[in-house]
Amino acid sequence: MKYKNIIFDLDGTLWDSTTSIAENWNEVLARHNLLERPLVALDMHPYMGLLIGDVLKTIFPEITEEFIQKIIAEIIDNERKVLHKNGGTLYENVQKTLEELAENHNLYIVSNALDGYIQAFVEYFNFQELFKDFESHGATGKNKAENIQLLMARNHLKPTETVYVGDTQTDYHSAKENDLDFIFCAYGFGELDENLETLRISNFADLLQI
């Protein structure tokens, strides 16, 4: 199958920014005396790709919704500054592969990230010319499947010409809700039911062979 349009997840698919994210969360949570110990990158791995409000409710079930919203606002305010300073780590062969794919494909990003997160990724690596458009939960308040639908409608993308690339079960189901084929990144943070029939890659450069 050859695709004209490729929509990517971000965390666990294109890069690993958990060190920067942990630093940001440490700064914010320390202000409110919510840390028993500083978070490290590994602590963030189980939560990558999830909605930040759901993550905070899981970690701190005793705090109020109002307090959660206050913490989210502070994390958002601080996140772009930390990401611009420290960035994240691209997975192996990502830059070279994206540049090659962009020569004859339209590239997009849809992520559950906070507003400004995708922009920070694009700006940190100077990828402005590679991606046609992007969408995030932080910008719209919508879930991933809805944001994929929104981006596809905005750019007039046909499902038969489009594929979604991600690293979680949620990514798979979000793609299928939009009648898209899915490519699973086995090197990422998430897992996928082994019984599901879908394309799987162990290195980002494998996309060039599909």
N, C-alpha and C. Protein backbone atom coordinates (compact mmCIF):
# COMPACT_ATOMS: atom_id res chain seq x y z
N MET A 1 0.84 -1.19 0.00
CA MET A 1 0.00 0.00 0.00
C MET A 1 0.88 1.25 0.00
N LYS A 2 0.57 2.19 -0.88
CA LYS A 2 1.28 3.46 -0.91
C LYS A 2 0.33 4.57 -0.44
N TYR A 3 0.82 5.41 0.44
CA TYR A 3 0.00 6.47 1.02
C TYR A 3 0.48 7.83 0.56
N LYS A 4 -0.46 8.73 0.35
CA LYS A 4 -0.14 10.10 -0.02
C LYS A 4 0.07 10.96 1.22
N ASN A 5 -0.68 10.65 2.29
CA ASN A 5 -0.67 11.45 3.51
C ASN A 5 -0.29 10.58 4.71
N ILE A 6 0.58 11.09 5.56
CA ILE A 6 1.00 10.37 6.76
C ILE A 6 0.77 11.26 7.97
N ILE A 7 -0.06 10.79 8.91
CA ILE A 7 -0.30 11.51 10.15
C ILE A 7 0.45 10.80 11.27
N PHE A 8 1.26 11.54 12.00
CA PHE A 8 2.08 10.95 13.05
C PHE A 8 1.56 11.33 14.44
N ASP A 9 1.62 10.38 15.35
CA ASP A 9 1.63 10.69 16.77
C ASP A 9 2.99 11.34 17.05
N LEU A 10 3.18 11.89 18.25
CA LEU A 10 4.46 12.56 18.54
C LEU A 10 5.28 11.79 19.58
N ASP A 11 4.82 11.75 20.82
CA ASP A 11 5.58 11.06 21.87
C ASP A 11 5.58 9.56 21.64
N GLY A 12 6.77 8.96 21.67
CA GLY A 12 6.89 7.53 21.46
C GLY A 12 6.91 7.14 20.00
N THR A 13 6.72 8.13 19.13
CA THR A 13 6.72 7.88 17.69
C THR A 13 7.85 8.65 17.00
N LEU A 14 7.92 9.97 17.26
CA LEU A 14 8.95 10.81 16.66
C LEU A 14 10.08 11.14 17.65
N TRP A 15 9.72 11.34 18.93
CA TRP A 15 10.75 11.71 19.90
C TRP A 15 10.40 11.24 21.30
N ASP A 16 11.41 11.36 22.18
CA ASP A 16 11.26 11.08 23.61
C ASP A 16 11.64 12.36 24.35
N SER A 17 10.66 13.01 24.95
CA SER A 17 10.91 14.27 25.66
C SER A 17 10.71 14.11 27.16
N THR A 18 10.74 12.87 27.66
CA THR A 18 10.38 12.62 29.05
C THR A 18 11.30 13.31 30.05
N THR A 19 12.56 13.51 29.69
CA THR A 19 13.47 14.21 30.61
C THR A 19 13.02 15.65 30.80
N SER A 20 12.67 16.33 29.70
CA SER A 20 12.19 17.71 29.79
C SER A 20 10.84 17.78 30.50
N ILE A 21 9.97 16.82 30.21
CA ILE A 21 8.64 16.82 30.84
C ILE A 21 8.77 16.63 32.35
N ALA A 22 9.65 15.71 32.75
CA ALA A 22 9.86 15.48 34.19
C ALA A 22 10.38 16.75 34.86
N GLU A 23 11.29 17.46 34.20
CA GLU A 23 11.82 18.71 34.76
C GLU A 23 10.70 19.73 34.95
N ASN A 24 9.85 19.85 33.94
CA ASN A 24 8.74 20.80 34.01
C ASN A 24 7.79 20.45 35.16
N TRP A 25 7.40 19.17 35.23
CA TRP A 25 6.49 18.74 36.29
C TRP A 25 7.11 18.93 37.66
N ASN A 26 8.41 18.65 37.79
CA ASN A 26 9.09 18.85 39.08
C ASN A 26 9.01 20.30 39.54
N GLU A 27 9.24 21.22 38.59
CA GLU A 27 9.19 22.64 38.94
C GLU A 27 7.80 23.05 39.44
N VAL A 28 6.77 22.59 38.72
CA VAL A 28 5.40 22.98 39.07
C VAL A 28 4.92 22.28 40.34
N LEU A 29 5.10 20.96 40.41
CA LEU A 29 4.59 20.21 41.56
C LEU A 29 5.30 20.57 42.85
N ALA A 30 6.59 20.94 42.74
CA ALA A 30 7.34 21.34 43.94
C ALA A 30 6.76 22.61 44.56
N ARG A 31 6.24 23.50 43.73
CA ARG A 31 5.63 24.74 44.25
C ARG A 31 4.46 24.44 45.19
N HIS A 32 3.80 23.31 44.94
CA HIS A 32 2.60 22.95 45.70
C HIS A 32 2.87 21.83 46.71
N ASN A 33 4.14 21.52 46.93
CA ASN A 33 4.54 20.49 47.90
C ASN A 33 3.86 19.15 47.63
N LEU A 34 3.79 18.78 46.35
CA LEU A 34 3.14 17.53 45.96
C LEU A 34 4.14 16.41 45.65
N LEU A 35 5.43 16.69 45.77
CA LEU A 35 6.44 15.70 45.41
C LEU A 35 7.05 15.04 46.64
N GLU A 36 7.00 13.70 46.67
CA GLU A 36 7.74 12.97 47.70
C GLU A 36 9.21 12.86 47.30
N ARG A 37 9.45 12.81 46.00
CA ARG A 37 10.80 12.80 45.44
C ARG A 37 10.71 13.37 44.04
N PRO A 38 11.82 13.89 43.49
CA PRO A 38 11.78 14.42 42.12
C PRO A 38 11.45 13.32 41.11
N LEU A 39 10.65 13.65 40.12
CA LEU A 39 10.35 12.72 39.03
C LEU A 39 11.54 12.61 38.10
N VAL A 40 11.71 11.44 37.52
CA VAL A 40 12.73 11.23 36.48
C VAL A 40 12.02 10.78 35.21
N ALA A 41 12.77 10.75 34.12
CA ALA A 41 12.17 10.44 32.81
C ALA A 41 11.38 9.14 32.83
N LEU A 42 11.91 8.11 33.50
CA LEU A 42 11.26 6.81 33.52
C LEU A 42 9.88 6.87 34.17
N ASP A 43 9.71 7.78 35.14
CA ASP A 43 8.41 7.93 35.81
C ASP A 43 7.33 8.38 34.83
N MET A 44 7.73 9.11 33.78
CA MET A 44 6.76 9.67 32.85
C MET A 44 6.34 8.68 31.76
N HIS A 45 7.13 7.64 31.54
CA HIS A 45 6.87 6.72 30.42
C HIS A 45 5.45 6.15 30.41
N PRO A 46 4.90 5.68 31.56
CA PRO A 46 3.55 5.09 31.50
C PRO A 46 2.46 6.07 31.12
N TYR A 47 2.75 7.37 31.23
CA TYR A 47 1.72 8.38 31.03
C TYR A 47 1.81 9.08 29.67
N MET A 48 2.83 8.78 28.90
CA MET A 48 2.99 9.45 27.62
C MET A 48 1.84 9.09 26.69
N GLY A 49 1.27 10.11 26.07
CA GLY A 49 0.15 9.91 25.16
C GLY A 49 -1.20 10.00 25.82
N LEU A 50 -1.23 10.04 27.15
CA LEU A 50 -2.49 10.18 27.87
C LEU A 50 -2.82 11.65 28.10
N LEU A 51 -4.07 11.94 28.41
CA LEU A 51 -4.48 13.31 28.67
C LEU A 51 -3.97 13.74 30.04
N ILE A 52 -3.43 14.94 30.13
CA ILE A 52 -2.77 15.39 31.35
C ILE A 52 -3.71 15.41 32.55
N GLY A 53 -4.96 15.78 32.34
CA GLY A 53 -5.91 15.78 33.45
C GLY A 53 -6.11 14.40 34.02
N ASP A 54 -6.20 13.39 33.14
CA ASP A 54 -6.36 12.01 33.59
C ASP A 54 -5.12 11.53 34.34
N VAL A 55 -3.95 11.95 33.88
CA VAL A 55 -2.70 11.56 34.55
C VAL A 55 -2.65 12.14 35.96
N LEU A 56 -2.97 13.41 36.10
CA LEU A 56 -2.93 14.05 37.42
C LEU A 56 -3.94 13.42 38.37
N LYS A 57 -5.12 13.06 37.86
CA LYS A 57 -6.12 12.42 38.71
C LYS A 57 -5.66 11.05 39.17
N THR A 58 -4.89 10.37 38.33
CA THR A 58 -4.36 9.05 38.69
C THR A 58 -3.28 9.17 39.75
N ILE A 59 -2.38 10.14 39.57
CA ILE A 59 -1.26 10.30 40.50
C ILE A 59 -1.71 10.92 41.83
N PHE A 60 -2.66 11.88 41.74
CA PHE A 60 -3.11 12.60 42.93
C PHE A 60 -4.63 12.51 43.05
N PRO A 61 -5.17 11.35 43.36
CA PRO A 61 -6.64 11.19 43.39
C PRO A 61 -7.33 12.02 44.46
N GLU A 62 -6.55 12.53 45.43
CA GLU A 62 -7.16 13.25 46.54
C GLU A 62 -7.38 14.73 46.26
N ILE A 63 -6.76 15.28 45.19
CA ILE A 63 -6.87 16.72 44.97
C ILE A 63 -8.10 17.05 44.13
N THR A 64 -8.58 18.27 44.29
CA THR A 64 -9.84 18.67 43.65
C THR A 64 -9.65 18.97 42.16
N GLU A 65 -10.76 18.98 41.45
CA GLU A 65 -10.75 19.31 40.03
C GLU A 65 -10.24 20.74 39.82
N GLU A 66 -10.64 21.63 40.69
CA GLU A 66 -10.17 23.03 40.59
C GLU A 66 -8.66 23.12 40.72
N PHE A 67 -8.10 22.34 41.67
CA PHE A 67 -6.65 22.35 41.88
C PHE A 67 -5.94 21.72 40.69
N ILE A 68 -6.52 20.65 40.14
CA ILE A 68 -5.95 20.01 38.95
C ILE A 68 -5.85 21.01 37.81
N GLN A 69 -6.90 21.79 37.59
CA GLN A 69 -6.89 22.77 36.51
C GLN A 69 -5.83 23.85 36.74
N LYS A 70 -5.61 24.20 37.99
CA LYS A 70 -4.56 25.18 38.32
C LYS A 70 -3.18 24.61 37.97
N ILE A 71 -2.96 23.35 38.32
CA ILE A 71 -1.67 22.70 38.02
C ILE A 71 -1.46 22.58 36.52
N ILE A 72 -2.52 22.19 35.80
CA ILE A 72 -2.43 22.08 34.33
C ILE A 72 -2.03 23.42 33.74
N ALA A 73 -2.66 24.50 34.20
CA ALA A 73 -2.35 25.84 33.67
C ALA A 73 -0.88 26.19 33.90
N GLU A 74 -0.34 25.83 35.06
CA GLU A 74 1.05 26.14 35.35
C GLU A 74 2.00 25.27 34.52
N ILE A 75 1.64 24.00 34.32
CA ILE A 75 2.46 23.11 33.49
C ILE A 75 2.48 23.63 32.05
N ILE A 76 1.31 24.04 31.55
CA ILE A 76 1.24 24.59 30.19
C ILE A 76 2.12 25.83 30.08
N ASP A 77 2.01 26.71 31.06
CA ASP A 77 2.75 27.96 31.04
C ASP A 77 4.27 27.73 31.04
N ASN A 78 4.71 26.68 31.72
CA ASN A 78 6.14 26.41 31.88
C ASN A 78 6.71 25.49 30.81
N GLU A 79 5.81 24.69 30.19
CA GLU A 79 6.28 23.60 29.33
C GLU A 79 7.07 24.08 28.11
N ARG A 80 6.54 25.06 27.42
CA ARG A 80 7.19 25.49 26.19
C ARG A 80 8.58 26.06 26.47
N LYS A 81 8.72 26.77 27.61
CA LYS A 81 10.02 27.31 27.99
C LYS A 81 11.03 26.19 28.21
N VAL A 82 10.61 25.14 28.92
CA VAL A 82 11.51 24.02 29.21
C VAL A 82 11.86 23.27 27.92
N LEU A 83 10.86 23.05 27.07
CA LEU A 83 11.11 22.31 25.82
C LEU A 83 12.01 23.10 24.88
N HIS A 84 11.84 24.41 24.83
CA HIS A 84 12.70 25.22 23.97
C HIS A 84 14.14 25.19 24.46
N LYS A 85 14.31 25.06 25.77
CA LYS A 85 15.66 25.02 26.34
C LYS A 85 16.31 23.65 26.17
N ASN A 86 15.54 22.58 26.47
CA ASN A 86 16.12 21.24 26.53
C ASN A 86 15.70 20.33 25.38
N GLY A 87 14.55 20.62 24.77
CA GLY A 87 14.07 19.78 23.68
C GLY A 87 13.81 18.36 24.12
N GLY A 88 14.05 17.43 23.22
CA GLY A 88 13.89 16.00 23.47
C GLY A 88 14.81 15.26 22.53
N THR A 89 14.72 13.94 22.55
CA THR A 89 15.60 13.11 21.73
C THR A 89 14.81 12.48 20.60
N LEU A 90 15.19 12.76 19.38
CA LEU A 90 14.58 12.09 18.23
C LEU A 90 14.94 10.61 18.25
N TYR A 91 14.00 9.78 17.87
CA TYR A 91 14.33 8.37 17.72
C TYR A 91 15.24 8.18 16.51
N GLU A 92 15.91 7.07 16.47
CA GLU A 92 16.89 6.78 15.43
C GLU A 92 16.28 6.94 14.03
N ASN A 93 16.98 7.67 13.19
CA ASN A 93 16.64 7.85 11.76
C ASN A 93 15.40 8.72 11.51
N VAL A 94 14.88 9.39 12.54
CA VAL A 94 13.66 10.17 12.34
C VAL A 94 13.88 11.33 11.38
N GLN A 95 14.88 12.16 11.63
CA GLN A 95 15.06 13.35 10.79
C GLN A 95 15.30 12.99 9.33
N LYS A 96 16.21 12.09 9.08
CA LYS A 96 16.53 11.69 7.70
C LYS A 96 15.31 11.09 7.01
N THR A 97 14.57 10.26 7.73
CA THR A 97 13.39 9.61 7.15
C THR A 97 12.28 10.62 6.87
N LEU A 98 12.04 11.55 7.81
CA LEU A 98 11.03 12.58 7.57
C LEU A 98 11.36 13.42 6.35
N GLU A 99 12.62 13.80 6.23
CA GLU A 99 13.03 14.62 5.09
C GLU A 99 12.81 13.88 3.78
N GLU A 100 13.07 12.59 3.79
CA GLU A 100 12.87 11.81 2.56
C GLU A 100 11.38 11.62 2.28
N LEU A 101 10.61 11.34 3.31
CA LEU A 101 9.16 11.16 3.13
C LEU A 101 8.49 12.44 2.64
N ALA A 102 8.96 13.59 3.14
CA ALA A 102 8.34 14.87 2.79
C ALA A 102 8.52 15.23 1.32
N GLU A 103 9.42 14.56 0.65
CA GLU A 103 9.64 14.85 -0.77
C GLU A 103 8.44 14.44 -1.61
N ASN A 104 7.70 13.40 -1.17
CA ASN A 104 6.55 12.96 -1.98
C ASN A 104 5.34 12.54 -1.14
N HIS A 105 5.30 13.00 0.12
CA HIS A 105 4.14 12.77 0.98
C HIS A 105 3.79 14.07 1.71
N ASN A 106 2.54 14.17 2.13
CA ASN A 106 2.12 15.25 3.01
C ASN A 106 2.19 14.73 4.44
N LEU A 107 2.93 15.42 5.31
CA LEU A 107 3.15 14.96 6.68
C LEU A 107 2.38 15.83 7.67
N TYR A 108 1.79 15.18 8.69
CA TYR A 108 0.98 15.86 9.69
C TYR A 108 1.27 15.25 11.07
N ILE A 109 0.85 15.95 12.12
CA ILE A 109 0.96 15.43 13.48
C ILE A 109 -0.37 15.63 14.19
N VAL A 110 -0.85 14.59 14.87
CA VAL A 110 -1.99 14.70 15.80
C VAL A 110 -1.57 14.04 17.11
N SER A 111 -1.65 14.82 18.19
CA SER A 111 -1.16 14.35 19.49
C SER A 111 -2.13 14.75 20.59
N ASN A 112 -2.08 14.00 21.70
CA ASN A 112 -2.86 14.36 22.89
C ASN A 112 -2.16 15.40 23.74
N ALA A 113 -1.15 16.03 23.21
CA ALA A 113 -0.32 16.96 23.97
C ALA A 113 -1.04 18.26 24.31
N LEU A 114 -0.41 19.02 25.21
CA LEU A 114 -0.89 20.35 25.55
C LEU A 114 -0.68 21.30 24.38
N ASP A 115 -1.45 22.37 24.34
CA ASP A 115 -1.29 23.38 23.29
C ASP A 115 0.10 23.99 23.38
N GLY A 116 0.79 24.07 22.24
CA GLY A 116 2.14 24.60 22.20
C GLY A 116 3.22 23.53 22.18
N TYR A 117 2.86 22.31 22.54
CA TYR A 117 3.84 21.21 22.62
C TYR A 117 4.35 20.82 21.25
N ILE A 118 3.43 20.62 20.31
CA ILE A 118 3.85 20.26 18.95
C ILE A 118 4.66 21.39 18.34
N GLN A 119 4.23 22.62 18.58
CA GLN A 119 4.98 23.77 18.07
C GLN A 119 6.41 23.78 18.61
N ALA A 120 6.56 23.46 19.90
CA ALA A 120 7.90 23.43 20.51
C ALA A 120 8.77 22.36 19.85
N PHE A 121 8.18 21.20 19.56
CA PHE A 121 8.90 20.13 18.86
C PHE A 121 9.36 20.60 17.48
N VAL A 122 8.43 21.16 16.72
CA VAL A 122 8.74 21.61 15.36
C VAL A 122 9.82 22.69 15.37
N GLU A 123 9.70 23.64 16.29
CA GLU A 123 10.65 24.75 16.35
C GLU A 123 12.03 24.31 16.84
N TYR A 124 12.06 23.38 17.79
CA TYR A 124 13.34 22.93 18.35
C TYR A 124 14.22 22.30 17.27
N PHE A 125 13.59 21.53 16.35
CA PHE A 125 14.35 20.85 15.31
C PHE A 125 14.26 21.54 13.95
N ASN A 126 13.64 22.72 13.90
CA ASN A 126 13.47 23.45 12.64
C ASN A 126 12.78 22.59 11.57
N PHE A 127 11.67 21.95 11.98
CA PHE A 127 10.92 21.08 11.09
C PHE A 127 9.73 21.80 10.45
N GLN A 128 9.73 23.12 10.47
CA GLN A 128 8.58 23.88 9.98
C GLN A 128 8.21 23.52 8.54
N GLU A 129 9.20 23.23 7.73
CA GLU A 129 8.94 22.96 6.30
C GLU A 129 8.49 21.53 6.05
N LEU A 130 8.61 20.66 7.06
CA LEU A 130 8.30 19.24 6.84
C LEU A 130 6.82 18.92 7.04
N PHE A 131 6.16 19.64 7.96
CA PHE A 131 4.78 19.29 8.32
C PHE A 131 3.79 20.32 7.78
N LYS A 132 2.73 19.79 7.15
CA LYS A 132 1.71 20.64 6.56
C LYS A 132 0.76 21.23 7.60
N ASP A 133 0.49 20.45 8.67
CA ASP A 133 -0.49 20.88 9.65
C ASP A 133 -0.36 19.97 10.87
N PHE A 134 -0.96 20.39 11.99
CA PHE A 134 -0.97 19.56 13.20
C PHE A 134 -2.16 19.94 14.05
N GLU A 135 -2.50 19.03 14.99
CA GLU A 135 -3.59 19.31 15.91
C GLU A 135 -3.33 18.60 17.22
N SER A 136 -3.86 19.17 18.32
CA SER A 136 -3.62 18.60 19.64
C SER A 136 -4.85 18.72 20.52
N HIS A 137 -4.90 17.87 21.54
CA HIS A 137 -5.99 17.95 22.52
C HIS A 137 -5.97 19.30 23.24
N GLY A 138 -4.77 19.80 23.52
CA GLY A 138 -4.66 21.06 24.23
C GLY A 138 -5.27 22.23 23.48
N ALA A 139 -5.24 22.16 22.16
CA ALA A 139 -5.78 23.25 21.34
C ALA A 139 -7.29 23.15 21.16
N THR A 140 -7.81 21.93 21.10
CA THR A 140 -9.22 21.75 20.76
C THR A 140 -10.08 21.21 21.90
N GLY A 141 -9.46 20.53 22.87
CA GLY A 141 -10.22 19.86 23.91
C GLY A 141 -10.83 18.55 23.45
N LYS A 142 -10.55 18.14 22.22
CA LYS A 142 -11.11 16.92 21.65
C LYS A 142 -10.15 15.74 21.85
N ASN A 143 -10.69 14.51 21.75
CA ASN A 143 -9.84 13.33 21.85
C ASN A 143 -9.09 13.10 20.54
N LYS A 144 -8.23 12.11 20.53
CA LYS A 144 -7.35 11.91 19.37
C LYS A 144 -8.13 11.56 18.11
N ALA A 145 -9.13 10.70 18.23
CA ALA A 145 -9.91 10.32 17.05
C ALA A 145 -10.61 11.55 16.45
N GLU A 146 -11.16 12.39 17.32
CA GLU A 146 -11.83 13.61 16.85
C GLU A 146 -10.85 14.58 16.21
N ASN A 147 -9.64 14.67 16.77
CA ASN A 147 -8.65 15.58 16.20
C ASN A 147 -8.11 15.08 14.86
N ILE A 148 -8.01 13.77 14.72
CA ILE A 148 -7.64 13.22 13.41
C ILE A 148 -8.71 13.58 12.39
N GLN A 149 -9.97 13.41 12.78
CA GLN A 149 -11.08 13.76 11.89
C GLN A 149 -11.03 15.23 11.52
N LEU A 150 -10.77 16.09 12.52
CA LEU A 150 -10.71 17.52 12.29
C LEU A 150 -9.60 17.89 11.32
N LEU A 151 -8.42 17.33 11.54
CA LEU A 151 -7.29 17.62 10.66
C LEU A 151 -7.54 17.12 9.24
N MET A 152 -8.13 15.93 9.13
CA MET A 152 -8.41 15.38 7.80
C MET A 152 -9.42 16.23 7.04
N ALA A 153 -10.44 16.69 7.74
CA ALA A 153 -11.45 17.54 7.09
C ALA A 153 -10.84 18.86 6.65
N ARG A 154 -10.01 19.45 7.51
CA ARG A 154 -9.40 20.74 7.21
C ARG A 154 -8.48 20.66 6.01
N ASN A 155 -7.83 19.52 5.83
CA ASN A 155 -6.86 19.37 4.74
C ASN A 155 -7.38 18.51 3.59
N HIS A 156 -8.66 18.16 3.66
CA HIS A 156 -9.32 17.41 2.58
C HIS A 156 -8.59 16.09 2.29
N LEU A 157 -8.29 15.35 3.35
CA LEU A 157 -7.57 14.09 3.20
C LEU A 157 -8.55 12.92 3.04
N LYS A 158 -8.27 12.05 2.11
CA LYS A 158 -9.10 10.87 1.90
C LYS A 158 -8.55 9.70 2.74
N PRO A 159 -9.42 8.96 3.43
CA PRO A 159 -8.95 7.83 4.24
C PRO A 159 -8.14 6.80 3.44
N THR A 160 -8.52 6.60 2.20
CA THR A 160 -7.83 5.60 1.38
C THR A 160 -6.41 6.02 1.02
N GLU A 161 -6.10 7.31 1.18
CA GLU A 161 -4.78 7.82 0.83
C GLU A 161 -3.95 8.19 2.07
N THR A 162 -4.48 7.84 3.26
CA THR A 162 -3.89 8.35 4.50
C THR A 162 -3.63 7.21 5.49
N VAL A 163 -2.54 7.33 6.23
CA VAL A 163 -2.20 6.35 7.27
C VAL A 163 -1.82 7.09 8.54
N TYR A 164 -2.12 6.49 9.69
CA TYR A 164 -1.73 7.06 10.98
C TYR A 164 -0.62 6.20 11.57
N VAL A 165 0.41 6.85 12.11
CA VAL A 165 1.57 6.16 12.67
C VAL A 165 1.67 6.51 14.15
N GLY A 166 1.63 5.50 15.03
CA GLY A 166 1.68 5.76 16.46
C GLY A 166 2.19 4.57 17.25
N ASP A 167 2.16 4.70 18.58
CA ASP A 167 2.79 3.68 19.41
C ASP A 167 1.90 3.14 20.53
N THR A 168 0.58 3.39 20.47
CA THR A 168 -0.29 2.92 21.53
C THR A 168 -1.58 2.31 20.98
N GLN A 169 -2.27 1.59 21.86
CA GLN A 169 -3.56 1.02 21.51
C GLN A 169 -4.56 2.13 21.18
N THR A 170 -4.48 3.24 21.92
CA THR A 170 -5.36 4.38 21.65
C THR A 170 -5.12 4.91 20.24
N ASP A 171 -3.85 4.98 19.82
CA ASP A 171 -3.55 5.42 18.47
C ASP A 171 -4.20 4.51 17.44
N TYR A 172 -4.11 3.20 17.68
CA TYR A 172 -4.72 2.23 16.77
C TYR A 172 -6.23 2.47 16.65
N HIS A 173 -6.91 2.55 17.79
CA HIS A 173 -8.37 2.72 17.75
C HIS A 173 -8.77 4.08 17.17
N SER A 174 -7.97 5.11 17.43
CA SER A 174 -8.27 6.43 16.87
C SER A 174 -8.15 6.41 15.35
N ALA A 175 -7.16 5.69 14.85
CA ALA A 175 -7.02 5.54 13.40
C ALA A 175 -8.21 4.80 12.81
N LYS A 176 -8.59 3.69 13.45
CA LYS A 176 -9.67 2.86 12.92
C LYS A 176 -11.01 3.59 12.96
N GLU A 177 -11.22 4.46 13.95
CA GLU A 177 -12.46 5.25 14.01
C GLU A 177 -12.58 6.18 12.81
N ASN A 178 -11.44 6.47 12.17
CA ASN A 178 -11.44 7.33 10.99
C ASN A 178 -11.18 6.54 9.70
N ASP A 179 -11.35 5.21 9.79
CA ASP A 179 -11.17 4.32 8.63
C ASP A 179 -9.78 4.41 8.03
N LEU A 180 -8.78 4.62 8.92
CA LEU A 180 -7.40 4.72 8.46
C LEU A 180 -6.62 3.44 8.74
N ASP A 181 -5.70 3.12 7.85
CA ASP A 181 -4.72 2.10 8.16
C ASP A 181 -3.80 2.63 9.26
N PHE A 182 -3.17 1.71 9.98
CA PHE A 182 -2.36 2.09 11.13
C PHE A 182 -1.01 1.38 11.06
N ILE A 183 0.04 2.12 11.42
CA ILE A 183 1.38 1.54 11.52
C ILE A 183 1.84 1.71 12.96
N PHE A 184 2.18 0.59 13.60
CA PHE A 184 2.56 0.59 15.01
C PHE A 184 4.07 0.69 15.17
N CYS A 185 4.52 1.65 16.00
CA CYS A 185 5.95 1.82 16.30
C CYS A 185 6.28 1.01 17.55
N ALA A 186 6.88 -0.14 17.34
CA ALA A 186 7.14 -1.07 18.44
C ALA A 186 8.22 -0.57 19.39
N TYR A 187 8.97 0.45 18.99
CA TYR A 187 10.05 0.98 19.82
C TYR A 187 9.54 2.04 20.82
N GLY A 188 8.26 2.41 20.74
CA GLY A 188 7.74 3.53 21.53
C GLY A 188 7.37 3.17 22.95
N PHE A 189 6.53 4.01 23.57
CA PHE A 189 6.17 3.85 24.97
C PHE A 189 5.06 2.83 25.18
N GLY A 190 4.19 2.67 24.19
CA GLY A 190 2.99 1.86 24.38
C GLY A 190 3.12 0.43 23.92
N GLU A 191 1.97 -0.26 23.99
CA GLU A 191 1.88 -1.65 23.54
C GLU A 191 0.65 -1.78 22.65
N LEU A 192 0.64 -2.85 21.86
CA LEU A 192 -0.49 -3.13 20.99
C LEU A 192 -0.79 -4.62 21.06
N ASP A 193 -2.08 -4.93 21.15
CA ASP A 193 -2.52 -6.32 21.17
C ASP A 193 -1.89 -7.08 20.00
N GLU A 194 -1.18 -8.15 20.32
CA GLU A 194 -0.48 -8.91 19.28
C GLU A 194 -1.43 -9.56 18.29
N ASN A 195 -2.69 -9.71 18.66
CA ASN A 195 -3.66 -10.35 17.77
C ASN A 195 -4.21 -9.40 16.70
N LEU A 196 -3.93 -8.12 16.86
CA LEU A 196 -4.42 -7.15 15.88
C LEU A 196 -3.56 -7.20 14.63
N GLU A 197 -4.22 -7.25 13.50
CA GLU A 197 -3.49 -7.30 12.23
C GLU A 197 -3.23 -5.88 11.75
N THR A 198 -1.99 -5.46 11.86
CA THR A 198 -1.61 -4.13 11.41
C THR A 198 -0.12 -4.12 11.14
N LEU A 199 0.33 -3.17 10.36
CA LEU A 199 1.76 -3.05 10.09
C LEU A 199 2.50 -2.61 11.34
N ARG A 200 3.70 -3.15 11.54
CA ARG A 200 4.51 -2.83 12.71
C ARG A 200 5.93 -2.54 12.26
N ILE A 201 6.57 -1.52 12.87
CA ILE A 201 7.95 -1.20 12.56
C ILE A 201 8.77 -1.18 13.83
N SER A 202 10.03 -1.56 13.72
CA SER A 202 10.93 -1.56 14.87
C SER A 202 11.94 -0.42 14.78
N ASN A 203 11.99 0.24 13.63
CA ASN A 203 12.86 1.39 13.42
C ASN A 203 12.11 2.36 12.51
N PHE A 204 12.22 3.66 12.80
CA PHE A 204 11.45 4.64 12.04
C PHE A 204 11.74 4.58 10.54
N ALA A 205 12.97 4.26 10.19
CA ALA A 205 13.35 4.18 8.77
C ALA A 205 12.62 3.08 8.02
N ASP A 206 12.00 2.14 8.76
CA ASP A 206 11.23 1.09 8.11
C ASP A 206 10.06 1.64 7.31
N LEU A 207 9.64 2.86 7.63
CA LEU A 207 8.53 3.48 6.89
C LEU A 207 8.87 3.64 5.41
N LEU A 208 10.13 3.79 5.10
CA LEU A 208 10.53 3.98 3.71
C LEU A 208 10.31 2.73 2.88
N GLN A 209 10.17 1.59 3.54
CA GLN A 209 9.96 0.33 2.83
C GLN A 209 8.49 0.00 2.66
N ILE A 210 7.62 0.78 3.31
CA ILE A 210 6.17 0.48 3.26
C ILE A 210 5.51 1.29 2.14
